Amino acid sequence: MSVSRCQLFEAGFPADVLHLNDPSCKGTVRNGRVEFHFDNDEHICGTNLVANSTHFIYDNFILGTPRSEGDSLISREKILKLSFSCVYPQ
C-alpha cells in the first residue's frame, strides 16, 4: 500500500508518525510516496483476513497522530485512519 507523502505532510502527518494497524509496521518514503509492506507469513502487520465463498479479503489501515507542538491551553487531537482492503479471487 502506498500513499502520497506530500498530501499527508501538508495535512500535518509526516511519514515518521504513520504506521499500519501494528505500530511496529512503519512506512518507508520512496519516490514521493509512503509505502507500507506486509505479507501473509510472519509480517502481517495487524492485517485481518476474511474469506467468503469466492474471495480472500485483506483489511488493514494506516494510522497517524502528529507530534504535539508545545503546551497549549486548547488541545485538539488530530488522528489519521485510512482503511484499505485488497480482494483476491479464490
PDB file of N, CA and C in Angstrom:
ATOM      1  N   MET A   1       0.855  -1.168   0.000  1.00  0.00           N
ATOM      2  CA  MET A   1       0.000   0.000   0.000  1.00  0.00           C
ATOM      3  C   MET A   1       0.892   1.219   0.000  1.00  0.00           C
ATOM      4  N   SER A   2       0.533   2.233  -0.797  1.00  0.00           N
ATOM      5  CA  SER A   2       1.296   3.473  -0.768  1.00  0.00           C
ATOM      6  C   SER A   2       0.354   4.668  -0.853  1.00  0.00           C
ATOM      7  N   VAL A   3       0.779   5.764  -0.229  1.00  0.00           N
ATOM      8  CA  VAL A   3       0.003   6.999  -0.222  1.00  0.00           C
ATOM      9  C   VAL A   3       0.948   8.168  -0.501  1.00  0.00           C
ATOM     10  N   SER A   4       0.405   9.266  -0.966  1.00  0.00           N
ATOM     11  CA  SER A   4       1.199  10.447  -1.293  1.00  0.00           C
ATOM     12  C   SER A   4       1.801  11.067  -0.035  1.00  0.00           C
ATOM     13  N   ARG A   5       3.109  11.120   0.017  1.00  0.00           N
ATOM     14  CA  ARG A   5       3.796  11.723   1.156  1.00  0.00           C
ATOM     15  C   ARG A   5       3.469  13.209   1.256  1.00  0.00           C
ATOM     16  N   CYS A   6       3.420  13.897   0.140  1.00  0.00           N
ATOM     17  CA  CYS A   6       3.180  15.334   0.104  1.00  0.00           C
ATOM     18  C   CYS A   6       1.815  15.686   0.703  1.00  0.00           C
ATOM     19  N   GLN A   7       0.792  14.987   0.301  1.00  0.00           N
ATOM     20  CA  GLN A   7      -0.553  15.271   0.813  1.00  0.00           C
ATOM     21  C   GLN A   7      -0.637  15.022   2.312  1.00  0.00           C
ATOM     22  N   LEU A   8      -0.012  13.954   2.788  1.00  0.00           N
ATOM     23  CA  LEU A   8      -0.035  13.668   4.220  1.00  0.00           C
ATOM     24  C   LEU A   8       0.744  14.714   5.003  1.00  0.00           C
ATOM     25  N   PHE A   9       1.922  15.095   4.499  1.00  0.00           N
ATOM     26  CA  PHE A   9       2.748  16.089   5.169  1.00  0.00           C
ATOM     27  C   PHE A   9       2.014  17.420   5.270  1.00  0.00           C
ATOM     28  N   GLU A  10       1.362  17.839   4.191  1.00  0.00           N
ATOM     29  CA  GLU A  10       0.614  19.097   4.202  1.00  0.00           C
ATOM     30  C   GLU A  10      -0.541  19.054   5.198  1.00  0.00           C
ATOM     31  N   ALA A  11      -1.081  17.875   5.456  1.00  0.00           N
ATOM     32  CA  ALA A  11      -2.170  17.727   6.420  1.00  0.00           C
ATOM     33  C   ALA A  11      -1.646  17.588   7.851  1.00  0.00           C
ATOM     34  N   GLY A  12      -0.315  17.641   8.031  1.00  0.00           N
ATOM     35  CA  GLY A  12       0.256  17.570   9.375  1.00  0.00           C
ATOM     36  C   GLY A  12       0.724  16.190   9.788  1.00  0.00           C
ATOM     37  N   PHE A  13       0.867  15.275   8.830  1.00  0.00           N
ATOM     38  CA  PHE A  13       1.275  13.908   9.141  1.00  0.00           C
ATOM     39  C   PHE A  13       2.565  13.546   8.412  1.00  0.00           C
ATOM     40  N   PRO A  14       3.746  13.834   9.012  1.00  0.00           N
ATOM     41  CA  PRO A  14       4.991  13.409   8.380  1.00  0.00           C
ATOM     42  C   PRO A  14       5.086  11.881   8.380  1.00  0.00           C
ATOM     43  N   ALA A  15       5.872  11.354   7.477  1.00  0.00           N
ATOM     44  CA  ALA A  15       5.951   9.901   7.283  1.00  0.00           C
ATOM     45  C   ALA A  15       6.334   9.149   8.552  1.00  0.00           C
ATOM     46  N   ASP A  16       7.141   9.744   9.417  1.00  0.00           N
ATOM     47  CA  ASP A  16       7.614   9.009  10.596  1.00  0.00           C
ATOM     48  C   ASP A  16       6.561   8.822  11.686  1.00  0.00           C
ATOM     49  N   VAL A  17       5.385   9.439  11.563  1.00  0.00           N
ATOM     50  CA  VAL A  17       4.322   9.225  12.557  1.00  0.00           C
ATOM     51  C   VAL A  17       3.260   8.241  12.053  1.00  0.00           C
ATOM     52  N   LEU A  18       3.475   7.667  10.863  1.00  0.00           N
ATOM     53  CA  LEU A  18       2.492   6.769  10.262  1.00  0.00           C
ATOM     54  C   LEU A  18       2.888   5.311  10.447  1.00  0.00           C
ATOM     55  N   HIS A  19       1.892   4.463  10.632  1.00  0.00           N
ATOM     56  CA  HIS A  19       2.131   3.024  10.737  1.00  0.00           C
ATOM     57  C   HIS A  19       0.847   2.277  10.387  1.00  0.00           C
ATOM     58  N   LEU A  20       0.984   0.985  10.164  1.00  0.00           N
ATOM     59  CA  LEU A  20      -0.190   0.140   9.931  1.00  0.00           C
ATOM     60  C   LEU A  20      -0.825  -0.203  11.276  1.00  0.00           C
ATOM     61  N   ASN A  21      -1.831  -1.067  11.279  1.00  0.00           N
ATOM     62  CA  ASN A  21      -2.520  -1.465  12.500  1.00  0.00           C
ATOM     63  C   ASN A  21      -1.527  -1.901  13.574  1.00  0.00           C
ATOM     64  N   ASP A  22      -0.481  -2.603  13.201  1.00  0.00           N
ATOM     65  CA  ASP A  22       0.608  -2.962  14.110  1.00  0.00           C
ATOM     66  C   ASP A  22       1.585  -1.778  14.133  1.00  0.00           C
ATOM     67  N   PRO A  23       1.745  -1.095  15.274  1.00  0.00           N
ATOM     68  CA  PRO A  23       2.604   0.099  15.319  1.00  0.00           C
ATOM     69  C   PRO A  23       4.053  -0.142  14.912  1.00  0.00           C
ATOM     70  N   SER A  24       4.515  -1.378  14.921  1.00  0.00           N
ATOM     71  CA  SER A  24       5.895  -1.641  14.510  1.00  0.00           C
ATOM     72  C   SER A  24       6.046  -1.643  12.991  1.00  0.00           C
ATOM     73  N   CYS A  25       4.945  -1.597  12.256  1.00  0.00           N
ATOM     74  CA  CYS A  25       4.979  -1.617  10.786  1.00  0.00           C
ATOM     75  C   CYS A  25       4.916  -0.198  10.247  1.00  0.00           C
ATOM     76  N   LYS A  26       6.085   0.441  10.182  1.00  0.00           N
ATOM     77  CA  LYS A  26       6.212   1.809   9.696  1.00  0.00           C
ATOM     78  C   LYS A  26       6.347   1.811   8.177  1.00  0.00           C
ATOM     79  N   GLY A  27       6.053   2.941   7.579  1.00  0.00           N
ATOM     80  CA  GLY A  27       6.210   3.090   6.147  1.00  0.00           C
ATOM     81  C   GLY A  27       7.604   3.578   5.795  1.00  0.00           C
ATOM     82  N   THR A  28       7.948   3.444   4.531  1.00  0.00           N
ATOM     83  CA  THR A  28       9.204   3.978   4.020  1.00  0.00           C
ATOM     84  C   THR A  28       8.877   4.934   2.881  1.00  0.00           C
ATOM     85  N   VAL A  29       9.656   6.016   2.779  1.00  0.00           N
ATOM     86  CA  VAL A  29       9.427   7.013   1.735  1.00  0.00           C
ATOM     87  C   VAL A  29      10.243   6.635   0.505  1.00  0.00           C
ATOM     88  N   ARG A  30       9.541   6.590  -0.637  1.00  0.00           N
ATOM     89  CA  ARG A  30      10.210   6.308  -1.910  1.00  0.00           C
ATOM     90  C   ARG A  30       9.425   6.986  -3.022  1.00  0.00           C
ATOM     91  N   ASN A  31      10.134   7.754  -3.837  1.00  0.00           N
ATOM     92  CA  ASN A  31       9.543   8.452  -4.981  1.00  0.00           C
ATOM     93  C   ASN A  31       8.329   9.302  -4.600  1.00  0.00           C
ATOM     94  N   GLY A  32       8.420  10.016  -3.467  1.00  0.00           N
ATOM     95  CA  GLY A  32       7.344  10.917  -3.063  1.00  0.00           C
ATOM     96  C   GLY A  32       6.133  10.225  -2.460  1.00  0.00           C
ATOM     97  N   ARG A  33       6.271   8.945  -2.156  1.00  0.00           N
ATOM     98  CA  ARG A  33       5.151   8.202  -1.578  1.00  0.00           C
ATOM     99  C   ARG A  33       5.614   7.496  -0.304  1.00  0.00           C
ATOM    100  N   VAL A  34       4.678   7.255   0.605  1.00  0.00           N
ATOM    101  CA  VAL A  34       4.967   6.454   1.789  1.00  0.00           C
ATOM    102  C   VAL A  34       4.433   5.056   1.500  1.00  0.00           C
ATOM    103  N   GLU A  35       5.322   4.068   1.516  1.00  0.00           N
ATOM    104  CA  GLU A  35       4.956   2.691   1.184  1.00  0.00           C
ATOM    105  C   GLU A  35       4.933   1.828   2.441  1.00  0.00           C
ATOM    106  N   PHE A  36       3.908   1.002   2.521  1.00  0.00           N
ATOM    107  CA  PHE A  36       3.760   0.059   3.622  1.00  0.00           C
ATOM    108  C   PHE A  36       3.732  -1.348   3.042  1.00  0.00           C
ATOM    109  N   HIS A  37       4.507  -2.249   3.643  1.00  0.00           N
ATOM    110  CA  HIS A  37       4.585  -3.619   3.150  1.00  0.00           C
ATOM    111  C   HIS A  37       4.167  -4.597   4.244  1.00  0.00           C
ATOM    112  N   PHE A  38       3.414  -5.598   3.853  1.00  0.00           N
ATOM    113  CA  PHE A  38       3.073  -6.686   4.758  1.00  0.00           C
ATOM    114  C   PHE A  38       2.925  -7.943   3.916  1.00  0.00           C
ATOM    115  N   ASP A  39       2.972  -9.090   4.569  1.00  0.00           N
ATOM    116  CA  ASP A  39       2.821 -10.346   3.835  1.00  0.00           C
ATOM    117  C   ASP A  39       1.880 -11.272   4.598  1.00  0.00           C
ATOM    118  N   ASN A  40       1.740 -12.446   4.106  1.00  0.00           N
ATOM    119  CA  ASN A  40       0.803 -13.409   4.676  1.00  0.00           C
ATOM    120  C   ASN A  40       1.507 -14.404   5.591  1.00  0.00           C
ATOM    121  N   ASP A  41       2.781 -14.144   5.897  1.00  0.00           N
ATOM    122  CA  ASP A  41       3.543 -15.075   6.714  1.00  0.00           C
ATOM    123  C   ASP A  41       3.764 -14.511   8.114  1.00  0.00           C
ATOM    124  N   GLU A  42       4.968 -14.056   8.394  1.00  0.00           N
ATOM    125  CA  GLU A  42       5.284 -13.573   9.737  1.00  0.00           C
ATOM    126  C   GLU A  42       5.254 -12.051   9.857  1.00  0.00           C
ATOM    127  N   HIS A  43       4.921 -11.349   8.801  1.00  0.00           N
ATOM    128  CA  HIS A  43       4.921  -9.886   8.808  1.00  0.00           C
ATOM    129  C   HIS A  43       3.537  -9.384   8.371  1.00  0.00           C
ATOM    130  N   ILE A  44       2.494  -9.769   9.138  1.00  0.00           N
ATOM    131  CA  ILE A  44       1.125  -9.438   8.724  1.00  0.00           C
ATOM    132  C   ILE A  44       0.673  -8.035   9.135  1.00  0.00           C
ATOM    133  N   CYS A  45       1.381  -7.422  10.093  1.00  0.00           N
ATOM    134  CA  CYS A  45       1.149  -6.013  10.473  1.00  0.00           C
ATOM    135  C   CYS A  45      -0.278  -5.720  10.923  1.00  0.00           C
ATOM    136  N   GLY A  46      -0.926  -6.666  11.562  1.00  0.00           N
ATOM    137  CA  GLY A  46      -2.282  -6.438  12.043  1.00  0.00           C
ATOM    138  C   GLY A  46      -3.342  -6.570  10.977  1.00  0.00           C
ATOM    139  N   THR A  47      -2.981  -7.150   9.837  1.00  0.00           N
ATOM    140  CA  THR A  47      -3.930  -7.326   8.744  1.00  0.00           C
ATOM    141  C   THR A  47      -4.941  -8.402   9.101  1.00  0.00           C
ATOM    142  N   ASN A  48      -6.187  -8.141   8.798  1.00  0.00           N
ATOM    143  CA  ASN A  48      -7.268  -9.088   9.050  1.00  0.00           C
ATOM    144  C   ASN A  48      -7.624  -9.782   7.729  1.00  0.00           C
ATOM    145  N   LEU A  49      -7.715 -11.098   7.752  1.00  0.00           N
ATOM    146  CA  LEU A  49      -8.096 -11.861   6.563  1.00  0.00           C
ATOM    147  C   LEU A  49      -9.498 -12.403   6.731  1.00  0.00           C
ATOM    148  N   VAL A  50     -10.345 -12.145   5.739  1.00  0.00           N
ATOM    149  CA  VAL A  50     -11.700 -12.681   5.694  1.00  0.00           C
ATOM    150  C   VAL A  50     -11.842 -13.432   4.377  1.00  0.00           C
ATOM    151  N   ALA A  51     -12.413 -14.615   4.434  1.00  0.00           N
ATOM    152  CA  ALA A  51     -12.642 -15.394   3.212  1.00  0.00           C
ATOM    153  C   ALA A  51     -14.129 -15.688   3.095  1.00  0.00           C
ATOM    154  N   ASN A  52     -14.654 -15.472   1.912  1.00  0.00           N
ATOM    155  CA  ASN A  52     -16.029 -15.889   1.654  1.00  0.00           C
ATOM    156  C   ASN A  52     -15.968 -16.996   0.604  1.00  0.00           C
ATOM    157  N   SER A  53     -17.055 -17.321  -0.034  1.00  0.00           N
ATOM    158  CA  SER A  53     -17.064 -18.440  -0.976  1.00  0.00           C
ATOM    159  C   SER A  53     -16.331 -18.146  -2.281  1.00  0.00           C
ATOM    160  N   THR A  54     -16.027 -16.864  -2.549  1.00  0.00           N
ATOM    161  CA  THR A  54     -15.388 -16.522  -3.827  1.00  0.00           C
ATOM    162  C   THR A  54     -14.073 -15.740  -3.697  1.00  0.00           C
ATOM    163  N   HIS A  55     -13.850 -15.051  -2.559  1.00  0.00           N
ATOM    164  CA  HIS A  55     -12.706 -14.155  -2.457  1.00  0.00           C
ATOM    165  C   HIS A  55     -12.010 -14.222  -1.092  1.00  0.00           C
ATOM    166  N   PHE A  56     -10.720 -13.845  -1.101  1.00  0.00           N
ATOM    167  CA  PHE A  56      -9.967 -13.545   0.113  1.00  0.00           C
ATOM    168  C   PHE A  56      -9.908 -12.030   0.212  1.00  0.00           C
ATOM    169  N   ILE A  57     -10.191 -11.493   1.405  1.00  0.00           N
ATOM    170  CA  ILE A  57     -10.196 -10.048   1.597  1.00  0.00           C
ATOM    171  C   ILE A  57      -9.258  -9.715   2.757  1.00  0.00           C
ATOM    172  N   TYR A  58      -8.228  -8.923   2.456  1.00  0.00           N
ATOM    173  CA  TYR A  58      -7.276  -8.473   3.462  1.00  0.00           C
ATOM    174  C   TYR A  58      -7.612  -7.037   3.829  1.00  0.00           C
ATOM    175  N   ASP A  59      -7.847  -6.761   5.130  1.00  0.00           N
ATOM    176  CA  ASP A  59      -8.180  -5.420   5.613  1.00  0.00           C
ATOM    177  C   ASP A  59      -7.115  -4.930   6.576  1.00  0.00           C
ATOM    178  N   ASN A  60      -6.761  -3.677   6.449  1.00  0.00           N
ATOM    179  CA  ASN A  60      -5.835  -3.047   7.381  1.00  0.00           C
ATOM    180  C   ASN A  60      -6.083  -1.550   7.317  1.00  0.00           C
ATOM    181  N   PHE A  61      -5.316  -0.771   8.055  1.00  0.00           N
ATOM    182  CA  PHE A  61      -5.442   0.672   7.989  1.00  0.00           C
ATOM    183  C   PHE A  61      -4.119   1.332   8.329  1.00  0.00           C
ATOM    184  N   ILE A  62      -3.964   2.548   7.829  1.00  0.00           N
ATOM    185  CA  ILE A  62      -2.811   3.382   8.124  1.00  0.00           C
ATOM    186  C   ILE A  62      -3.233   4.357   9.215  1.00  0.00           C
ATOM    187  N   LEU A  63      -2.469   4.401  10.287  1.00  0.00           N
ATOM    188  CA  LEU A  63      -2.757   5.285  11.411  1.00  0.00           C
ATOM    189  C   LEU A  63      -1.669   6.326  11.549  1.00  0.00           C
ATOM    190  N   GLY A  64      -2.054   7.503  12.017  1.00  0.00           N
ATOM    191  CA  GLY A  64      -1.076   8.545  12.286  1.00  0.00           C
ATOM    192  C   GLY A  64      -1.606   9.540  13.291  1.00  0.00           C
ATOM    193  N   THR A  65      -0.740   9.940  14.221  1.00  0.00           N
ATOM    194  CA  THR A  65      -1.032  11.001  15.170  1.00  0.00           C
ATOM    195  C   THR A  65       0.169  11.929  15.166  1.00  0.00           C
ATOM    196  N   PRO A  66       0.012  13.166  14.715  1.00  0.00           N
ATOM    197  CA  PRO A  66       1.167  14.064  14.661  1.00  0.00           C
ATOM    198  C   PRO A  66       1.706  14.382  16.052  1.00  0.00           C
ATOM    199  N   ARG A  67       2.980  14.752  16.101  1.00  0.00           N
ATOM    200  CA  ARG A  67       3.596  15.153  17.364  1.00  0.00           C
ATOM    201  C   ARG A  67       2.935  16.431  17.850  1.00  0.00           C
ATOM    202  N   SER A  68       2.746  16.543  19.149  1.00  0.00           N
ATOM    203  CA  SER A  68       2.159  17.769  19.704  1.00  0.00           C
ATOM    204  C   SER A  68       3.215  18.868  19.696  1.00  0.00           C
ATOM    205  N   GLU A  69       2.745  20.101  19.547  1.00  0.00           N
ATOM    206  CA  GLU A  69       3.652  21.244  19.473  1.00  0.00           C
ATOM    207  C   GLU A  69       3.422  22.156  20.666  1.00  0.00           C
ATOM    208  N   GLY A  70       4.196  21.967  21.715  1.00  0.00           N
ATOM    209  CA  GLY A  70       4.132  22.850  22.870  1.00  0.00           C
ATOM    210  C   GLY A  70       2.965  22.551  23.781  1.00  0.00           C
ATOM    211  N   ASP A  71       2.878  23.353  24.827  1.00  0.00           N
ATOM    212  CA  ASP A  71       1.812  23.210  25.814  1.00  0.00           C
ATOM    213  C   ASP A  71       0.778  24.298  25.588  1.00  0.00           C
ATOM    214  N   SER A  72      -0.298  23.940  24.960  1.00  0.00           N
ATOM    215  CA  SER A  72      -1.356  24.896  24.667  1.00  0.00           C
ATOM    216  C   SER A  72      -2.520  24.667  25.627  1.00  0.00           C
ATOM    217  N   LEU A  73      -3.232  25.733  25.954  1.00  0.00           N
ATOM    218  CA  LEU A  73      -4.402  25.596  26.804  1.00  0.00           C
ATOM    219  C   LEU A  73      -5.538  24.895  26.076  1.00  0.00           C
ATOM    220  N   ILE A  74      -5.579  25.061  24.751  1.00  0.00           N
ATOM    221  CA  ILE A  74      -6.600  24.407  23.941  1.00  0.00           C
ATOM    222  C   ILE A  74      -5.941  23.243  23.229  1.00  0.00           C
ATOM    223  N   SER A  75      -6.530  22.078  23.380  1.00  0.00           N
ATOM    224  CA  SER A  75      -5.933  20.882  22.781  1.00  0.00           C
ATOM    225  C   SER A  75      -6.928  20.218  21.841  1.00  0.00           C
ATOM    226  N   ARG A  76      -6.476  19.973  20.637  1.00  0.00           N
ATOM    227  CA  ARG A  76      -7.281  19.236  19.665  1.00  0.00           C
ATOM    228  C   ARG A  76      -6.435  18.090  19.162  1.00  0.00           C
ATOM    229  N   GLU A  77      -6.947  16.891  19.279  1.00  0.00           N
ATOM    230  CA  GLU A  77      -6.185  15.743  18.812  1.00  0.00           C
ATOM    231  C   GLU A  77      -6.551  15.459  17.366  1.00  0.00           C
ATOM    232  N   LYS A  78      -5.538  15.391  16.540  1.00  0.00           N
ATOM    233  CA  LYS A  78      -5.708  15.123  15.123  1.00  0.00           C
ATOM    234  C   LYS A  78      -5.252  13.688  14.891  1.00  0.00           C
ATOM    235  N   ILE A  79      -6.112  12.867  14.328  1.00  0.00           N
ATOM    236  CA  ILE A  79      -5.799  11.457  14.089  1.00  0.00           C
ATOM    237  C   ILE A  79      -6.126  11.121  12.643  1.00  0.00           C
ATOM    238  N   LEU A  80      -5.234  10.364  12.030  1.00  0.00           N
ATOM    239  CA  LEU A  80      -5.461   9.886  10.669  1.00  0.00           C
ATOM    240  C   LEU A  80      -5.719   8.385  10.739  1.00  0.00           C
ATOM    241  N   LYS A  81      -6.766   7.931  10.088  1.00  0.00           N
ATOM    242  CA  LYS A  81      -7.042   6.499   9.971  1.00  0.00           C
ATOM    243  C   LYS A  81      -7.570   6.245   8.561  1.00  0.00           C
ATOM    244  N   LEU A  82      -6.702   5.680   7.719  1.00  0.00           N
ATOM    245  CA  LEU A  82      -7.067   5.355   6.341  1.00  0.00           C
ATOM    246  C   LEU A  82      -7.257   3.853   6.225  1.00  0.00           C
ATOM    247  N   SER A  83      -8.481   3.424   6.052  1.00  0.00           N
ATOM    248  CA  SER A  83      -8.760   1.992   5.874  1.00  0.00           C
ATOM    249  C   SER A  83      -8.531   1.588   4.433  1.00  0.00           C
ATOM    250  N   PHE A  84      -8.037   0.375   4.228  1.00  0.00           N
ATOM    251  CA  PHE A  84      -7.887  -0.146   2.880  1.00  0.00           C
ATOM    252  C   PHE A  84      -8.062  -1.648   2.907  1.00  0.00           C
ATOM    253  N   SER A  85      -8.378  -2.199   1.759  1.00  0.00           N
ATOM    254  CA  SER A  85      -8.515  -3.652   1.636  1.00  0.00           C
ATOM    255  C   SER A  85      -8.032  -4.096   0.259  1.00  0.00           C
ATOM    256  N   CYS A  86      -7.582  -5.327   0.206  1.00  0.00           N
ATOM    257  CA  CYS A  86      -7.152  -5.966  -1.028  1.00  0.00           C
ATOM    258  C   CYS A  86      -8.013  -7.220  -1.200  1.00  0.00           C
ATOM    259  N   VAL A  87      -8.581  -7.381  -2.369  1.00  0.00           N
ATOM    260  CA  VAL A  87      -9.502  -8.505  -2.615  1.00  0.00           C
ATOM    261  C   VAL A  87      -8.909  -9.375  -3.727  1.00  0.00           C
ATOM    262  N   TYR A  88      -8.826 -10.682  -3.458  1.00  0.00           N
ATOM    263  CA  TYR A  88      -8.291 -11.639  -4.426  1.00  0.00           C
ATOM    264  C   TYR A  88      -9.279 -12.772  -4.623  1.00  0.00           C
ATOM    265  N   PRO A  89      -9.521 -13.202  -5.862  1.00  0.00           N
ATOM    266  CA  PRO A  89     -10.401 -14.358  -6.082  1.00  0.00           C
ATOM    267  C   PRO A  89      -9.737 -15.624  -5.542  1.00  0.00           C
ATOM    268  N   GLN A  90     -10.573 -16.547  -5.048  1.00  0.00           N
ATOM    269  CA  GLN A  90     -10.039 -17.820  -4.535  1.00  0.00           C
ATOM    270  C   GLN A  90      -9.651 -18.717  -5.680  1.00  0.00           C
TER     271      GLN A  90
END
